[in-house]
Amino acid sequence: MTRQKADLLQGTLDMLILKALSLGALHGYGVIQRIRQMSGEMLEVEQGSLYPALYRIEQRGWVSSKWEVNETGRRAKFYALTRVGRRQLEAEEASWDRLVLAIAKMRQAT
């Protein structure tokens, strides 16, 4: 039996990236892998979606970046969560918690 992949709602990618980076700095492909791992293989982010989002959240000051050598010896841009990014993650998670609660209430209504 195969598990179906969940579709990402628009606007959630920033939060997923921030959450992945909350555990430590990563290069882009590492962010993709961590999101997949943390979601139990249910979420998969495409590179074409990830890199524009990383650029956008870096411009907002939520992450910083620097070039380093990755585990294979190649240069890669590593992203790290900033203090502002950590506060944004907390706000995004609180917003999601409210949304999930509201949806659960709607589903339970008779």
Protein backbone atom coordinates (compact mmCIF):
# COMPACT_ATOMS: atom_id res chain seq x y z
CA MET A 1 0.00 0.00 0.00
CA THR A 2 1.50 3.35 -1.00
CA ARG A 3 1.07 6.58 0.88
CA GLN A 4 -0.37 9.49 -1.01
CA LYS A 5 1.63 12.71 -0.95
CA ALA A 6 -0.13 15.69 0.58
CA ASP A 7 -0.50 18.75 -1.61
CA LEU A 8 1.00 21.92 -0.18
CA LEU A 9 -1.40 24.75 0.41
CA GLN A 10 -0.26 27.99 -1.10
CA GLY A 11 1.72 30.07 1.41
CA THR A 12 3.03 27.18 3.50
CA LEU A 13 6.41 26.76 1.84
CA ASP A 14 8.04 29.59 3.78
CA MET A 15 7.02 28.02 7.09
CA LEU A 16 8.28 24.59 6.01
CA ILE A 17 11.65 26.04 5.03
CA LEU A 18 11.94 27.97 8.28
CA LYS A 19 11.03 24.83 10.25
CA ALA A 20 13.63 22.77 8.38
CA LEU A 21 16.27 25.41 9.09
CA SER A 22 15.29 25.63 12.76
CA LEU A 23 17.32 22.46 13.29
CA GLY A 24 20.47 23.94 11.74
CA ALA A 25 21.95 25.44 8.59
CA LEU A 26 21.47 23.57 5.31
CA HIS A 27 22.14 23.96 1.61
CA GLY A 28 19.14 23.98 -0.72
CA TYR A 29 19.06 20.26 -1.44
CA GLY A 30 19.44 19.62 2.30
CA VAL A 31 16.31 21.71 2.91
CA ILE A 32 14.41 19.55 0.41
CA GLN A 33 15.62 16.37 2.11
CA ARG A 34 14.83 17.63 5.61
CA ILE A 35 11.29 18.64 4.66
CA ARG A 36 10.76 15.22 3.13
CA GLN A 37 12.18 13.51 6.22
CA MET A 38 10.31 15.65 8.78
CA SER A 39 7.01 15.08 6.96
CA GLY A 40 7.40 11.31 6.94
CA GLU A 41 7.99 11.32 3.18
CA MET A 42 4.59 12.98 2.61
CA LEU A 43 5.85 16.36 1.38
CA GLU A 44 8.18 16.93 -1.52
CA VAL A 45 9.37 20.38 -2.51
CA GLU A 46 10.60 20.90 -6.05
CA GLN A 47 13.80 22.86 -6.66
CA GLY A 48 11.87 25.25 -8.89
CA SER A 49 9.74 26.22 -5.88
CA LEU A 50 12.44 26.07 -3.23
CA TYR A 51 15.04 28.46 -4.60
CA PRO A 52 12.69 31.40 -5.30
CA ALA A 53 11.28 30.92 -1.78
CA LEU A 54 14.77 30.88 -0.25
CA TYR A 55 15.61 34.07 -2.12
CA ARG A 56 12.37 35.70 -0.96
CA ILE A 57 12.78 34.81 2.70
CA GLU A 58 16.44 35.85 2.62
CA GLN A 59 15.35 39.26 1.30
CA ARG A 60 12.92 39.50 4.24
CA GLY A 61 15.76 38.82 6.68
CA TRP A 62 14.36 35.52 7.90
CA VAL A 63 17.43 33.56 6.78
CA SER A 64 21.03 34.40 6.09
CA SER A 65 23.30 32.60 3.66
CA LYS A 66 26.96 31.95 3.03
CA TRP A 67 29.00 29.84 0.66
CA GLU A 68 30.62 26.76 2.20
CA VAL A 69 31.86 23.36 1.13
CA ASN A 70 29.20 20.64 1.38
CA GLU A 71 29.60 17.01 2.40
CA THR A 72 30.69 16.03 -1.13
CA GLY A 73 33.42 18.68 -1.27
CA ARG A 74 31.53 21.07 -3.56
CA ARG A 75 30.76 24.71 -2.86
CA ALA A 76 27.14 25.27 -1.89
CA LYS A 77 25.13 28.11 -0.46
CA PHE A 78 24.09 27.29 3.11
CA TYR A 79 21.07 28.95 4.69
CA ALA A 80 20.58 29.60 8.41
CA LEU A 81 17.59 30.85 10.35
CA THR A 82 17.99 34.36 11.77
CA ARG A 83 16.51 35.66 15.01
CA VAL A 84 13.84 37.45 12.95
CA GLY A 85 13.22 34.18 11.09
CA ARG A 86 12.75 32.29 14.34
CA ARG A 87 10.10 34.82 15.44
CA GLN A 88 8.44 34.53 12.02
CA LEU A 89 8.41 30.74 12.34
CA GLU A 90 6.71 31.02 15.74
CA ALA A 91 4.08 33.36 14.27
CA GLU A 92 3.51 31.08 11.25
CA GLU A 93 3.16 28.01 13.46
CA ALA A 94 0.64 29.79 15.72
CA SER A 95 -1.33 30.83 12.65
CA TRP A 96 -1.33 27.24 11.35
CA ASP A 97 -2.44 25.94 14.75
CA ARG A 98 -5.44 28.31 14.63
CA LEU A 99 -6.27 27.25 11.07
CA VAL A 100 -6.07 23.54 11.92
CA LEU A 101 -8.32 24.09 14.94
CA ALA A 102 -10.86 25.99 12.86
CA ILE A 103 -10.91 23.29 10.18
CA ALA A 104 -11.28 20.57 12.82
CA LYS A 105 -14.25 22.43 14.30
CA MET A 106 -15.83 22.74 10.86
CA ARG A 107 -15.37 19.03 10.18
CA GLN A 108 -16.92 18.08 13.53
CA ALA A 109 -19.94 20.34 13.12
CA THR A 110 -23.23 18.57 12.59
